Amino acid sequence: MSVLEVTGLSKTYGGLRAVQGVDLRLPKGQVRALIGPNGAGKTTLVGLITGRVTPSAGRVRFLERDVSRFPAYRRIAMGMGYTFQITSVFANLSLHENVALAVRRRGGTVAQVDRAVIAALSEVGLALRVGQLAGDLSYGHQRLLEIAMGLAQEPQLLILDEPTQGLSSGEVTAFKELIRRLAGKTTVLLIEHNMDVVMGVADYITVLNFGAVLAEGTPAEIRANGQVQAAYLGGE
């Protein structure tokens, strides 16, 4: 079963083709990395997938339903979770309250919400800070809190946009361990510049360049691809 299937997805802004005829298929349980140079169209593609950007052409199927014209909130309700490239936590609320907002979308008793909040914060190593204000966290910890908010929704597809930005080396290691734990249980689309993270956790990689798919393959195949080396990996 494909959790996500993108066909001919395009977005044009005036004369600029930000995304050009992208095809993408994510099998259930796969960790897929989306990489490419700055300006390759990664953020626009994620916006198209999540419903924050309206496509010029093409379609998006999620859980075997055509959601191309669904707004973002409907896709979230169906089980599509995502974190933003820039943190979007509620600074004046505690970590518990931030995560609880995400959990309550699923319903449940107060006790069930509390258990889910602690479980999500434990996954990212923030359980001991449950009562702290989100705004008092470091930037890296705010990124982890946002991931906890995504996990708390128990998504069928979790989209993480630059999740390791601002994390310390120890936190990056913990993040890689988290993705490995999620592998097989949750389908993950990871937009990431840290190639150590990409090569260490991805089952499969899609490379964008100038808004189009340049290459796809396993980490070993992508590392050995001459076109990718020239466009993105700097000749590694």
C-alpha atoms as a PDB file:
ATOM      1  CA  MET A   1       0.000   0.000   0.000  1.00  0.00           C
ATOM      2  CA  SER A   2       1.206   3.505  -0.834  1.00  0.00           C
ATOM      3  CA  VAL A   3       0.604   6.020   1.933  1.00  0.00           C
ATOM      4  CA  LEU A   4       1.408   8.909  -0.411  1.00  0.00           C
ATOM      5  CA  GLU A   5       1.344   9.057  -4.207  1.00  0.00           C
ATOM      6  CA  VAL A   6       2.177  12.241  -6.077  1.00  0.00           C
ATOM      7  CA  THR A   7       1.641  12.363  -9.847  1.00  0.00           C
ATOM      8  CA  GLY A   8       2.758  15.137 -12.214  1.00  0.00           C
ATOM      9  CA  LEU A   9       2.751  17.700  -9.423  1.00  0.00           C
ATOM     10  CA  SER A  10       3.676  21.189 -10.599  1.00  0.00           C
ATOM     11  CA  LYS A  11       3.593  24.741  -9.299  1.00  0.00           C
ATOM     12  CA  THR A  12       4.193  27.834 -11.407  1.00  0.00           C
ATOM     13  CA  TYR A  13       4.580  31.369 -10.065  1.00  0.00           C
ATOM     14  CA  GLY A  14       4.290  33.658 -13.074  1.00  0.00           C
ATOM     15  CA  GLY A  15       7.087  32.451 -15.342  1.00  0.00           C
ATOM     16  CA  LEU A  16       8.887  30.555 -12.574  1.00  0.00           C
ATOM     17  CA  ARG A  17       8.338  26.787 -12.479  1.00  0.00           C
ATOM     18  CA  ALA A  18       9.055  26.047  -8.815  1.00  0.00           C
ATOM     19  CA  VAL A  19       7.985  22.399  -9.070  1.00  0.00           C
ATOM     20  CA  GLN A  20       7.926  20.565 -12.400  1.00  0.00           C
ATOM     21  CA  GLY A  21       5.991  17.350 -12.960  1.00  0.00           C
ATOM     22  CA  VAL A  22       7.093  15.554  -9.810  1.00  0.00           C
ATOM     23  CA  ASP A  23       6.126  11.906  -9.330  1.00  0.00           C
ATOM     24  CA  LEU A  24       6.632  10.459  -5.857  1.00  0.00           C
ATOM     25  CA  ARG A  25       5.408   7.274  -4.200  1.00  0.00           C
ATOM     26  CA  LEU A  26       5.915   6.406  -0.527  1.00  0.00           C
ATOM     27  CA  PRO A  27       5.177   2.834   0.565  1.00  0.00           C
ATOM     28  CA  LYS A  28       3.814   2.305   4.052  1.00  0.00           C
ATOM     29  CA  GLY A  29       6.509   2.333   6.739  1.00  0.00           C
ATOM     30  CA  GLN A  30       9.257   3.799   4.562  1.00  0.00           C
ATOM     31  CA  VAL A  31      11.626   6.553   5.662  1.00  0.00           C
ATOM     32  CA  ARG A  32      12.084   8.709   2.551  1.00  0.00           C
ATOM     33  CA  ALA A  33      14.561  11.575   2.432  1.00  0.00           C
ATOM     34  CA  LEU A  34      14.000  14.524   0.100  1.00  0.00           C
ATOM     35  CA  ILE A  35      17.221  16.378  -0.647  1.00  0.00           C
ATOM     36  CA  GLY A  36      18.495  18.962  -3.101  1.00  0.00           C
ATOM     37  CA  PRO A  37      20.326  22.286  -3.363  1.00  0.00           C
ATOM     38  CA  ASN A  38      18.815  25.473  -1.965  1.00  0.00           C
ATOM     39  CA  GLY A  39      16.083  26.630  -4.329  1.00  0.00           C
ATOM     40  CA  ALA A  40      15.467  23.119  -5.667  1.00  0.00           C
ATOM     41  CA  GLY A  41      11.756  23.312  -4.821  1.00  0.00           C
ATOM     42  CA  LYS A  42      11.688  21.130  -1.685  1.00  0.00           C
ATOM     43  CA  THR A  43       9.679  23.544   0.469  1.00  0.00           C
ATOM     44  CA  THR A  44       7.191  24.213  -2.348  1.00  0.00           C
ATOM     45  CA  LEU A  45       6.749  20.473  -2.922  1.00  0.00           C
ATOM     46  CA  VAL A  46       6.049  19.923   0.785  1.00  0.00           C
ATOM     47  CA  GLY A  47       3.537  22.772   0.673  1.00  0.00           C
ATOM     48  CA  LEU A  48       1.781  21.072  -2.242  1.00  0.00           C
ATOM     49  CA  ILE A  49       1.713  17.720  -0.427  1.00  0.00           C
ATOM     50  CA  THR A  50       0.382  19.187   2.819  1.00  0.00           C
ATOM     51  CA  GLY A  51      -2.214  21.466   1.225  1.00  0.00           C
ATOM     52  CA  ARG A  52      -0.618  24.787   2.115  1.00  0.00           C
ATOM     53  CA  VAL A  53       0.121  25.476  -1.582  1.00  0.00           C
ATOM     54  CA  THR A  54      -2.386  24.980  -4.429  1.00  0.00           C
ATOM     55  CA  PRO A  55      -0.970  22.989  -7.364  1.00  0.00           C
ATOM     56  CA  SER A  56      -0.908  24.334 -10.904  1.00  0.00           C
ATOM     57  CA  ALA A  57      -1.122  20.756 -12.189  1.00  0.00           C
ATOM     58  CA  GLY A  58      -0.944  17.186 -10.975  1.00  0.00           C
ATOM     59  CA  ARG A  59      -2.502  15.384  -8.048  1.00  0.00           C
ATOM     60  CA  VAL A  60      -1.815  14.140  -4.530  1.00  0.00           C
ATOM     61  CA  ARG A  61      -3.234  10.853  -3.237  1.00  0.00           C
ATOM     62  CA  PHE A  62      -3.061  10.144   0.500  1.00  0.00           C
ATOM     63  CA  LEU A  63      -4.185   6.801   1.915  1.00  0.00           C
ATOM     64  CA  GLU A  64      -5.587   6.009  -1.548  1.00  0.00           C
ATOM     65  CA  ARG A  65      -7.797   9.141  -1.647  1.00  0.00           C
ATOM     66  CA  ASP A  66      -7.316  12.069  -3.998  1.00  0.00           C
ATOM     67  CA  VAL A  67      -6.658  15.003  -1.647  1.00  0.00           C
ATOM     68  CA  SER A  68      -5.358  17.413  -4.306  1.00  0.00           C
ATOM     69  CA  ARG A  69      -7.993  20.021  -3.480  1.00  0.00           C
ATOM     70  CA  PHE A  70      -8.264  19.307   0.241  1.00  0.00           C
ATOM     71  CA  PRO A  71      -7.148  22.135   2.571  1.00  0.00           C
ATOM     72  CA  ALA A  72      -4.356  21.444   5.036  1.00  0.00           C
ATOM     73  CA  TYR A  73      -6.639  20.853   8.028  1.00  0.00           C
ATOM     74  CA  ARG A  74      -8.488  18.038   6.232  1.00  0.00           C
ATOM     75  CA  ARG A  75      -5.223  16.312   5.405  1.00  0.00           C
ATOM     76  CA  ILE A  76      -4.117  16.630   9.037  1.00  0.00           C
ATOM     77  CA  ALA A  77      -7.422  15.122  10.183  1.00  0.00           C
ATOM     78  CA  MET A  78      -6.802  12.182   7.836  1.00  0.00           C
ATOM     79  CA  GLY A  79      -3.420  11.473   9.428  1.00  0.00           C
ATOM     80  CA  MET A  80      -0.854  13.700   7.724  1.00  0.00           C
ATOM     81  CA  GLY A  81       1.419  15.359  10.275  1.00  0.00           C
ATOM     82  CA  TYR A  82       4.243  17.790   9.599  1.00  0.00           C
ATOM     83  CA  THR A  83       6.686  20.132  11.235  1.00  0.00           C
ATOM     84  CA  PHE A  84       7.720  23.441   9.728  1.00  0.00           C
ATOM     85  CA  GLN A  85      11.174  24.600   8.694  1.00  0.00           C
ATOM     86  CA  ILE A  86      10.755  27.439  11.211  1.00  0.00           C
ATOM     87  CA  THR A  87       9.487  26.410  14.652  1.00  0.00           C
ATOM     88  CA  SER A  88       5.785  27.015  15.269  1.00  0.00           C
ATOM     89  CA  VAL A  89       5.398  26.147  18.954  1.00  0.00           C
ATOM     90  CA  PHE A  90       3.246  28.241  21.297  1.00  0.00           C
ATOM     91  CA  ALA A  91       5.892  30.058  23.315  1.00  0.00           C
ATOM     92  CA  ASN A  92       3.591  31.103  26.177  1.00  0.00           C
ATOM     93  CA  LEU A  93       2.270  27.588  26.782  1.00  0.00           C
ATOM     94  CA  SER A  94       4.016  24.757  28.612  1.00  0.00           C
ATOM     95  CA  LEU A  95       5.405  21.751  26.784  1.00  0.00           C
ATOM     96  CA  HIS A  96       2.486  19.737  28.141  1.00  0.00           C
ATOM     97  CA  GLU A  97      -0.065  22.216  26.783  1.00  0.00           C
ATOM     98  CA  ASN A  98       1.642  22.389  23.377  1.00  0.00           C
ATOM     99  CA  VAL A  99       1.555  18.625  22.907  1.00  0.00           C
ATOM    100  CA  ALA A 100      -1.923  18.311  24.441  1.00  0.00           C
ATOM    101  CA  LEU A 101      -3.303  20.599  21.729  1.00  0.00           C
ATOM    102  CA  ALA A 102      -2.155  18.060  19.152  1.00  0.00           C
ATOM    103  CA  VAL A 103      -3.401  15.046  21.150  1.00  0.00           C
ATOM    104  CA  ARG A 104      -6.899  16.464  21.678  1.00  0.00           C
ATOM    105  CA  ARG A 105      -7.545  16.299  17.939  1.00  0.00           C
ATOM    106  CA  ARG A 106      -7.824  12.543  18.484  1.00  0.00           C
ATOM    107  CA  GLY A 107     -10.223  12.892  21.412  1.00  0.00           C
ATOM    108  CA  GLY A 108      -9.992  10.852  24.609  1.00  0.00           C
ATOM    109  CA  THR A 109     -10.219  11.402  28.355  1.00  0.00           C
ATOM    110  CA  VAL A 110      -7.980  13.743  30.335  1.00  0.00           C
ATOM    111  CA  ALA A 111      -5.963  10.764  31.583  1.00  0.00           C
ATOM    112  CA  GLN A 112      -5.526   9.429  28.046  1.00  0.00           C
ATOM    113  CA  VAL A 113      -4.375  12.848  26.828  1.00  0.00           C
ATOM    114  CA  ASP A 114      -1.873  13.110  29.689  1.00  0.00           C
ATOM    115  CA  ARG A 115      -0.436   9.666  28.932  1.00  0.00           C
ATOM    116  CA  ALA A 116      -0.115  10.491  25.246  1.00  0.00           C
ATOM    117  CA  VAL A 117       1.610  13.803  26.043  1.00  0.00           C
ATOM    118  CA  ILE A 118       4.213  12.137  28.266  1.00  0.00           C
ATOM    119  CA  ALA A 119       4.762   9.359  25.711  1.00  0.00           C
ATOM    120  CA  ALA A 120       5.407  11.875  22.916  1.00  0.00           C
ATOM    121  CA  LEU A 121       7.727  14.017  25.040  1.00  0.00           C
ATOM    122  CA  SER A 122       9.590  10.898  26.195  1.00  0.00           C
ATOM    123  CA  GLU A 123      10.191   9.917  22.564  1.00  0.00           C
ATOM    124  CA  VAL A 124      12.135  13.136  21.978  1.00  0.00           C
ATOM    125  CA  GLY A 125      13.817  13.300  25.389  1.00  0.00           C
ATOM    126  CA  LEU A 126      11.811  16.191  26.835  1.00  0.00           C
ATOM    127  CA  ALA A 127       9.615  14.438  29.419  1.00  0.00           C
ATOM    128  CA  LEU A 128      11.462  16.023  32.353  1.00  0.00           C
ATOM    129  CA  ARG A 129      10.628  19.493  31.007  1.00  0.00           C
ATOM    130  CA  VAL A 130       6.882  18.873  30.734  1.00  0.00           C
ATOM    131  CA  GLY A 131       5.888  21.921  32.823  1.00  0.00           C
ATOM    132  CA  GLN A 132       8.375  24.353  31.308  1.00  0.00           C
ATOM    133  CA  LEU A 133       7.269  27.150  29.000  1.00  0.00           C
ATOM    134  CA  ALA A 134       8.051  26.365  25.382  1.00  0.00           C
ATOM    135  CA  GLY A 135       9.464  29.851  24.882  1.00  0.00           C
ATOM    136  CA  ASP A 136      12.145  29.156  27.488  1.00  0.00           C
ATOM    137  CA  LEU A 137      13.545  26.233  25.510  1.00  0.00           C
ATOM    138  CA  SER A 138      16.612  26.520  23.304  1.00  0.00           C
ATOM    139  CA  TYR A 139      15.926  26.590  19.581  1.00  0.00           C
ATOM    140  CA  GLY A 140      17.041  22.979  19.253  1.00  0.00           C
ATOM    141  CA  HIS A 141      14.693  21.843  22.010  1.00  0.00           C
ATOM    142  CA  GLN A 142      11.836  23.757  20.386  1.00  0.00           C
ATOM    143  CA  ARG A 143      12.494  21.696  17.248  1.00  0.00           C
ATOM    144  CA  LEU A 144      12.223  18.525  19.317  1.00  0.00           C
ATOM    145  CA  LEU A 145       9.005  19.775  20.928  1.00  0.00           C
ATOM    146  CA  GLU A 146       7.518  20.344  17.490  1.00  0.00           C
ATOM    147  CA  ILE A 147       8.432  16.775  16.525  1.00  0.00           C
ATOM    148  CA  ALA A 148       6.702  15.564  19.717  1.00  0.00           C
ATOM    149  CA  MET A 149       3.594  17.513  18.685  1.00  0.00           C
ATOM    150  CA  GLY A 150       3.689  15.754  15.332  1.00  0.00           C
ATOM    151  CA  LEU A 151       4.161  12.317  16.886  1.00  0.00           C
ATOM    152  CA  ALA A 152       1.332  12.918  19.358  1.00  0.00           C
ATOM    153  CA  GLN A 153      -1.146  12.956  16.485  1.00  0.00           C
ATOM    154  CA  GLU A 154      -0.159   9.360  15.624  1.00  0.00           C
ATOM    155  CA  PRO A 155       0.117  10.294  11.932  1.00  0.00           C
ATOM    156  CA  GLN A 156       0.062   7.847   9.063  1.00  0.00           C
ATOM    157  CA  LEU A 157       2.598  10.139   7.369  1.00  0.00           C
ATOM    158  CA  LEU A 158       4.994  12.360   9.301  1.00  0.00           C
ATOM    159  CA  ILE A 159       6.707  15.090   7.262  1.00  0.00           C
ATOM    160  CA  LEU A 160       9.750  16.638   8.941  1.00  0.00           C
ATOM    161  CA  ASP A 161      11.154  19.808   7.362  1.00  0.00           C
ATOM    162  CA  GLU A 162      14.789  20.393   8.395  1.00  0.00           C
ATOM    163  CA  PRO A 163      14.248  18.776  11.836  1.00  0.00           C
ATOM    164  CA  THR A 164      17.924  18.737  12.874  1.00  0.00           C
ATOM    165  CA  GLN A 165      18.483  22.437  12.233  1.00  0.00           C
ATOM    166  CA  GLY A 166      19.748  23.949  15.494  1.00  0.00           C
ATOM    167  CA  LEU A 167      20.278  20.605  17.247  1.00  0.00           C
ATOM    168  CA  SER A 168      23.525  19.764  19.037  1.00  0.00           C
ATOM    169  CA  SER A 169      25.534  16.751  17.902  1.00  0.00           C
ATOM    170  CA  GLY A 170      24.111  14.716  20.788  1.00  0.00           C
ATOM    171  CA  GLU A 171      20.566  15.727  19.894  1.00  0.00           C
ATOM    172  CA  VAL A 172      21.186  14.812  16.243  1.00  0.00           C
ATOM    173  CA  THR A 173      22.309  11.348  17.351  1.00  0.00           C
ATOM    174  CA  ALA A 174      19.145  11.002  19.469  1.00  0.00           C
ATOM    175  CA  PHE A 175      17.048  12.156  16.503  1.00  0.00           C
ATOM    176  CA  LYS A 176      18.533   9.472  14.268  1.00  0.00           C
ATOM    177  CA  GLU A 177      17.721   6.872  16.912  1.00  0.00           C
ATOM    178  CA  LEU A 178      14.146   8.200  17.065  1.00  0.00           C
ATOM    179  CA  ILE A 179      13.687   7.849  13.291  1.00  0.00           C
ATOM    180  CA  ARG A 180      15.060   4.311  13.434  1.00  0.00           C
ATOM    181  CA  ARG A 181      12.464   3.477  16.120  1.00  0.00           C
ATOM    182  CA  LEU A 182       9.700   4.943  13.955  1.00  0.00           C
ATOM    183  CA  ALA A 183      10.843   3.077  10.837  1.00  0.00           C
ATOM    184  CA  GLY A 184       8.284   0.498   9.794  1.00  0.00           C
ATOM    185  CA  LYS A 185       5.598   1.918  12.109  1.00  0.00           C
ATOM    186  CA  THR A 186       5.189   5.417  10.676  1.00  0.00           C
ATOM    187  CA  THR A 187       5.869   6.541   7.115  1.00  0.00           C
ATOM    188  CA  VAL A 188       8.325   9.446   7.248  1.00  0.00           C
ATOM    189  CA  LEU A 189       9.187  12.072   4.627  1.00  0.00           C
ATOM    190  CA  LEU A 190      12.355  13.817   5.772  1.00  0.00           C
ATOM    191  CA  ILE A 191      13.570  17.065   4.207  1.00  0.00           C
ATOM    192  CA  GLU A 192      17.114  17.423   5.458  1.00  0.00           C
ATOM    193  CA  HIS A 193      20.464  19.028   4.582  1.00  0.00           C
ATOM    194  CA  ASN A 194      22.538  16.992   7.042  1.00  0.00           C
ATOM    195  CA  MET A 195      23.794  14.214   4.803  1.00  0.00           C
ATOM    196  CA  ASP A 196      25.026  12.152   7.738  1.00  0.00           C
ATOM    197  CA  VAL A 197      21.428  12.043   8.981  1.00  0.00           C
ATOM    198  CA  VAL A 198      20.037  11.315   5.501  1.00  0.00           C
ATOM    199  CA  MET A 199      22.471   8.498   4.764  1.00  0.00           C
ATOM    200  CA  GLY A 200      22.060   7.089   8.265  1.00  0.00           C
ATOM    201  CA  VAL A 201      18.261   6.824   8.477  1.00  0.00           C
ATOM    202  CA  ALA A 202      16.696   6.908   4.985  1.00  0.00           C
ATOM    203  CA  ASP A 203      15.493   3.764   3.252  1.00  0.00           C
ATOM    204  CA  TYR A 204      15.221   5.652  -0.035  1.00  0.00           C
ATOM    205  CA  ILE A 205      16.175   9.113  -1.259  1.00  0.00           C
ATOM    206  CA  THR A 206      14.600  11.478  -3.786  1.00  0.00           C
ATOM    207  CA  VAL A 207      16.816  14.263  -5.138  1.00  0.00           C
ATOM    208  CA  LEU A 208      15.239  17.464  -6.455  1.00  0.00           C
ATOM    209  CA  ASN A 209      17.017  19.961  -8.683  1.00  0.00           C
ATOM    210  CA  PHE A 210      15.419  22.990 -10.382  1.00  0.00           C
ATOM    211  CA  GLY A 211      11.988  21.757  -9.237  1.00  0.00           C
ATOM    212  CA  ALA A 212      12.249  18.342 -10.901  1.00  0.00           C
ATOM    213  CA  VAL A 213      13.296  14.896  -9.725  1.00  0.00           C
ATOM    214  CA  LEU A 214      16.968  14.436 -10.591  1.00  0.00           C
ATOM    215  CA  ALA A 215      17.407  10.950  -9.141  1.00  0.00           C
ATOM    216  CA  GLU A 216      15.952   8.381  -6.753  1.00  0.00           C
ATOM    217  CA  GLY A 217      17.522   5.398  -5.053  1.00  0.00           C
ATOM    218  CA  THR A 218      18.975   3.872  -1.940  1.00  0.00           C
ATOM    219  CA  PRO A 219      21.568   5.861   0.020  1.00  0.00           C
ATOM    220  CA  ALA A 220      24.357   3.865  -1.652  1.00  0.00           C
ATOM    221  CA  GLU A 221      22.915   4.470  -5.119  1.00  0.00           C
ATOM    222  CA  ILE A 222      22.502   8.199  -4.509  1.00  0.00           C
ATOM    223  CA  ARG A 223      26.020   8.554  -3.124  1.00  0.00           C
ATOM    224  CA  ALA A 224      27.402   6.865  -6.262  1.00  0.00           C
ATOM    225  CA  ASN A 225      25.266   8.869  -8.713  1.00  0.00           C
ATOM    226  CA  GLY A 226      27.430  11.198 -10.787  1.00  0.00           C
ATOM    227  CA  GLN A 227      24.606  13.647 -11.543  1.00  0.00           C
ATOM    228  CA  VAL A 228      23.793  13.980  -7.851  1.00  0.00           C
ATOM    229  CA  GLN A 229      27.448  14.469  -6.987  1.00  0.00           C
ATOM    230  CA  ALA A 230      27.697  17.294  -9.513  1.00  0.00           C
ATOM    231  CA  ALA A 231      24.449  18.990  -8.476  1.00  0.00           C
ATOM    232  CA  TYR A 232      24.460  18.519  -4.726  1.00  0.00           C
ATOM    233  CA  LEU A 233      27.064  16.344  -3.044  1.00  0.00           C
ATOM    234  CA  GLY A 234      30.040  18.349  -4.224  1.00  0.00           C
ATOM    235  CA  GLY A 235      31.796  15.505  -5.944  1.00  0.00           C
ATOM    236  CA  GLU A 236      31.842  13.112  -2.949  1.00  0.00           C
END
